[in-house]
Amino acid sequence: PHSNTDYPKYNKDYHHYIVRLMSFVDECQYSMQSCFHPSWLVTLMPEDIVGYFYQIAYGTAKPDFEMELPTQAHSTHLEFAKKAISWYMPMWVAAWQHQANPPNCWKPYQVY
């Protein structure tokens, strides 16, 4: 379990986005009271974030772009989700480094 209820970072407007992201990545259902320690959040990869955003927009993590349109959410919803998730991410000041392990997943082209 990557949940840590002792970690204090919380924002009532953003929290459900980080819980849903982590539920998507871990393929389980975390409660809305769950908090996630930075040591777990830094292990997220760009593919995790992109898959989650595809899930929001297309209803599937691996859409067929030739056959499907993003009908599940507006672009502004995705922008807010990215802002909300970014608020929880450690190393938000760090620049993207391809050699870093784990990398800062907010700087690669896949997430823009």
C-alpha atoms as a PDB file:
ATOM      1  CA  PRO A   1       0.000   0.000   0.000  1.00  0.00           C
ATOM      2  CA  HIS A   2       1.202   3.377  -1.022  1.00  0.00           C
ATOM      3  CA  SER A   3      -1.358   5.274   0.978  1.00  0.00           C
ATOM      4  CA  ASN A   4      -0.163   7.164   4.032  1.00  0.00           C
ATOM      5  CA  THR A   5      -2.848   8.941   6.039  1.00  0.00           C
ATOM      6  CA  ASP A   6      -0.188  10.737   8.104  1.00  0.00           C
ATOM      7  CA  TYR A   7       1.065  12.745   5.153  1.00  0.00           C
ATOM      8  CA  PRO A   8      -0.511  16.188   5.524  1.00  0.00           C
ATOM      9  CA  LYS A   9      -0.691  17.596   1.964  1.00  0.00           C
ATOM     10  CA  TYR A  10      -4.357  18.249   1.196  1.00  0.00           C
ATOM     11  CA  ASN A  11      -6.435  20.606  -0.934  1.00  0.00           C
ATOM     12  CA  LYS A  12     -10.195  20.084  -0.939  1.00  0.00           C
ATOM     13  CA  ASP A  13     -10.580  21.194  -4.575  1.00  0.00           C
ATOM     14  CA  TYR A  14      -7.733  19.011  -5.871  1.00  0.00           C
ATOM     15  CA  HIS A  15      -7.744  15.927  -3.668  1.00  0.00           C
ATOM     16  CA  HIS A  16     -10.134  13.695  -5.617  1.00  0.00           C
ATOM     17  CA  TYR A  17      -7.890  14.009  -8.693  1.00  0.00           C
ATOM     18  CA  ILE A  18      -4.832  12.556  -6.944  1.00  0.00           C
ATOM     19  CA  VAL A  19      -6.952   9.789  -5.392  1.00  0.00           C
ATOM     20  CA  ARG A  20      -8.436   8.884  -8.772  1.00  0.00           C
ATOM     21  CA  LEU A  21      -5.027   8.972 -10.449  1.00  0.00           C
ATOM     22  CA  MET A  22      -3.494   6.666  -7.871  1.00  0.00           C
ATOM     23  CA  SER A  23      -6.531   4.368  -8.019  1.00  0.00           C
ATOM     24  CA  PHE A  24      -6.093   4.213 -11.805  1.00  0.00           C
ATOM     25  CA  VAL A  25      -2.351   3.516 -11.603  1.00  0.00           C
ATOM     26  CA  ASP A  26      -2.605   0.911  -8.831  1.00  0.00           C
ATOM     27  CA  GLU A  27      -5.782  -0.634 -10.255  1.00  0.00           C
ATOM     28  CA  CYS A  28      -7.596  -0.424  -6.938  1.00  0.00           C
ATOM     29  CA  GLN A  29     -10.074   1.917  -5.306  1.00  0.00           C
ATOM     30  CA  TYR A  30      -8.524   4.225  -2.702  1.00  0.00           C
ATOM     31  CA  SER A  31     -10.854   6.080  -0.374  1.00  0.00           C
ATOM     32  CA  MET A  32     -11.156   9.842  -0.638  1.00  0.00           C
ATOM     33  CA  GLN A  33      -9.457  10.059   2.765  1.00  0.00           C
ATOM     34  CA  SER A  34      -6.260   8.530   1.346  1.00  0.00           C
ATOM     35  CA  CYS A  35      -3.096  10.585   1.162  1.00  0.00           C
ATOM     36  CA  PHE A  36      -0.020   9.649  -0.844  1.00  0.00           C
ATOM     37  CA  HIS A  37       3.522  10.170   0.327  1.00  0.00           C
ATOM     38  CA  PRO A  38       5.944  11.977  -2.024  1.00  0.00           C
ATOM     39  CA  SER A  39       8.198   8.917  -2.094  1.00  0.00           C
ATOM     40  CA  TRP A  40       5.390   7.083  -3.900  1.00  0.00           C
ATOM     41  CA  LEU A  41       4.338   9.982  -6.132  1.00  0.00           C
ATOM     42  CA  VAL A  42       7.837  10.364  -7.594  1.00  0.00           C
ATOM     43  CA  THR A  43       7.588   6.829  -8.977  1.00  0.00           C
ATOM     44  CA  LEU A  44       4.804   7.864 -11.365  1.00  0.00           C
ATOM     45  CA  MET A  45       5.880   7.764 -14.985  1.00  0.00           C
ATOM     46  CA  PRO A  46       4.641   9.926 -17.873  1.00  0.00           C
ATOM     47  CA  GLU A  47       2.791   6.922 -19.287  1.00  0.00           C
ATOM     48  CA  ASP A  48       0.779   6.672 -16.044  1.00  0.00           C
ATOM     49  CA  ILE A  49      -0.335  10.289 -16.276  1.00  0.00           C
ATOM     50  CA  VAL A  50      -1.092  10.139 -19.996  1.00  0.00           C
ATOM     51  CA  GLY A  51      -3.085   6.919 -19.549  1.00  0.00           C
ATOM     52  CA  TYR A  52      -5.111   8.526 -16.776  1.00  0.00           C
ATOM     53  CA  PHE A  53      -5.828  11.598 -18.908  1.00  0.00           C
ATOM     54  CA  TYR A  54      -6.853   9.355 -21.807  1.00  0.00           C
ATOM     55  CA  GLN A  55      -9.171   7.552 -19.393  1.00  0.00           C
ATOM     56  CA  ILE A  56     -10.754  10.883 -18.439  1.00  0.00           C
ATOM     57  CA  ALA A  57     -11.094  12.153 -22.013  1.00  0.00           C
ATOM     58  CA  TYR A  58     -11.810   8.976 -23.979  1.00  0.00           C
ATOM     59  CA  GLY A  59     -13.157   6.589 -21.357  1.00  0.00           C
ATOM     60  CA  THR A  60     -10.239   4.220 -22.017  1.00  0.00           C
ATOM     61  CA  ALA A  61      -6.536   4.369 -21.209  1.00  0.00           C
ATOM     62  CA  LYS A  62      -5.599   3.201 -24.714  1.00  0.00           C
ATOM     63  CA  PRO A  63      -7.886   4.878 -27.229  1.00  0.00           C
ATOM     64  CA  ASP A  64      -7.902   4.117 -30.919  1.00  0.00           C
ATOM     65  CA  PHE A  65      -7.303   7.633 -32.216  1.00  0.00           C
ATOM     66  CA  GLU A  66      -8.570   6.736 -35.683  1.00  0.00           C
ATOM     67  CA  MET A  67     -11.893   5.493 -34.323  1.00  0.00           C
ATOM     68  CA  GLU A  68     -12.512   7.448 -31.120  1.00  0.00           C
ATOM     69  CA  LEU A  69     -13.001  11.071 -30.156  1.00  0.00           C
ATOM     70  CA  PRO A  70     -12.431  12.528 -26.680  1.00  0.00           C
ATOM     71  CA  THR A  71     -16.111  12.862 -25.763  1.00  0.00           C
ATOM     72  CA  GLN A  72     -15.889  12.227 -22.013  1.00  0.00           C
ATOM     73  CA  ALA A  73     -14.378  15.569 -20.889  1.00  0.00           C
ATOM     74  CA  HIS A  74     -13.614  19.067 -22.102  1.00  0.00           C
ATOM     75  CA  SER A  75     -10.024  20.235 -22.468  1.00  0.00           C
ATOM     76  CA  THR A  76     -10.523  22.642 -19.566  1.00  0.00           C
ATOM     77  CA  HIS A  77     -11.362  19.683 -17.325  1.00  0.00           C
ATOM     78  CA  LEU A  78      -8.064  18.027 -18.274  1.00  0.00           C
ATOM     79  CA  GLU A  79      -6.187  21.276 -17.678  1.00  0.00           C
ATOM     80  CA  PHE A  80      -7.669  21.533 -14.184  1.00  0.00           C
ATOM     81  CA  ALA A  81      -6.932  17.857 -13.480  1.00  0.00           C
ATOM     82  CA  LYS A  82      -3.294  18.420 -14.464  1.00  0.00           C
ATOM     83  CA  LYS A  83      -3.108  21.485 -12.205  1.00  0.00           C
ATOM     84  CA  ALA A  84      -4.673  19.568  -9.326  1.00  0.00           C
ATOM     85  CA  ILE A  85      -2.343  16.586  -9.670  1.00  0.00           C
ATOM     86  CA  SER A  86       0.670  18.857 -10.107  1.00  0.00           C
ATOM     87  CA  TRP A  87      -0.100  20.456  -6.755  1.00  0.00           C
ATOM     88  CA  TYR A  88       0.640  17.138  -5.039  1.00  0.00           C
ATOM     89  CA  MET A  89       3.740  16.230  -7.015  1.00  0.00           C
ATOM     90  CA  PRO A  90       7.136  16.508  -5.344  1.00  0.00           C
ATOM     91  CA  MET A  91      10.059  17.983  -7.261  1.00  0.00           C
ATOM     92  CA  TRP A  92       7.755  20.359  -9.142  1.00  0.00           C
ATOM     93  CA  VAL A  93      10.583  22.874  -9.493  1.00  0.00           C
ATOM     94  CA  ALA A  94      13.008  20.339 -10.954  1.00  0.00           C
ATOM     95  CA  ALA A  95      13.536  20.345 -14.687  1.00  0.00           C
ATOM     96  CA  TRP A  96      12.835  17.220 -16.697  1.00  0.00           C
ATOM     97  CA  GLN A  97      15.865  15.004 -16.894  1.00  0.00           C
ATOM     98  CA  HIS A  98      15.731  11.902 -19.063  1.00  0.00           C
ATOM     99  CA  GLN A  99      18.556  10.348 -17.053  1.00  0.00           C
ATOM    100  CA  ALA A 100      16.780  10.834 -13.737  1.00  0.00           C
ATOM    101  CA  ASN A 101      15.269   7.784 -12.134  1.00  0.00           C
ATOM    102  CA  PRO A 102      12.531   8.401 -11.254  1.00  0.00           C
ATOM    103  CA  PRO A 103      12.003  11.422 -13.490  1.00  0.00           C
ATOM    104  CA  ASN A 104       9.800  14.421 -12.925  1.00  0.00           C
ATOM    105  CA  CYS A 105       6.800  13.253 -14.941  1.00  0.00           C
ATOM    106  CA  TRP A 106       5.390  16.750 -15.501  1.00  0.00           C
ATOM    107  CA  LYS A 107       8.038  17.916 -17.958  1.00  0.00           C
ATOM    108  CA  PRO A 108       7.965  15.370 -20.805  1.00  0.00           C
ATOM    109  CA  TYR A 109       6.171  16.135 -24.052  1.00  0.00           C
ATOM    110  CA  GLN A 110       3.629  13.332 -23.467  1.00  0.00           C
ATOM    111  CA  VAL A 111       1.933  15.225 -20.629  1.00  0.00           C
ATOM    112  CA  TYR A 112       1.711  18.676 -22.280  1.00  0.00           C
END
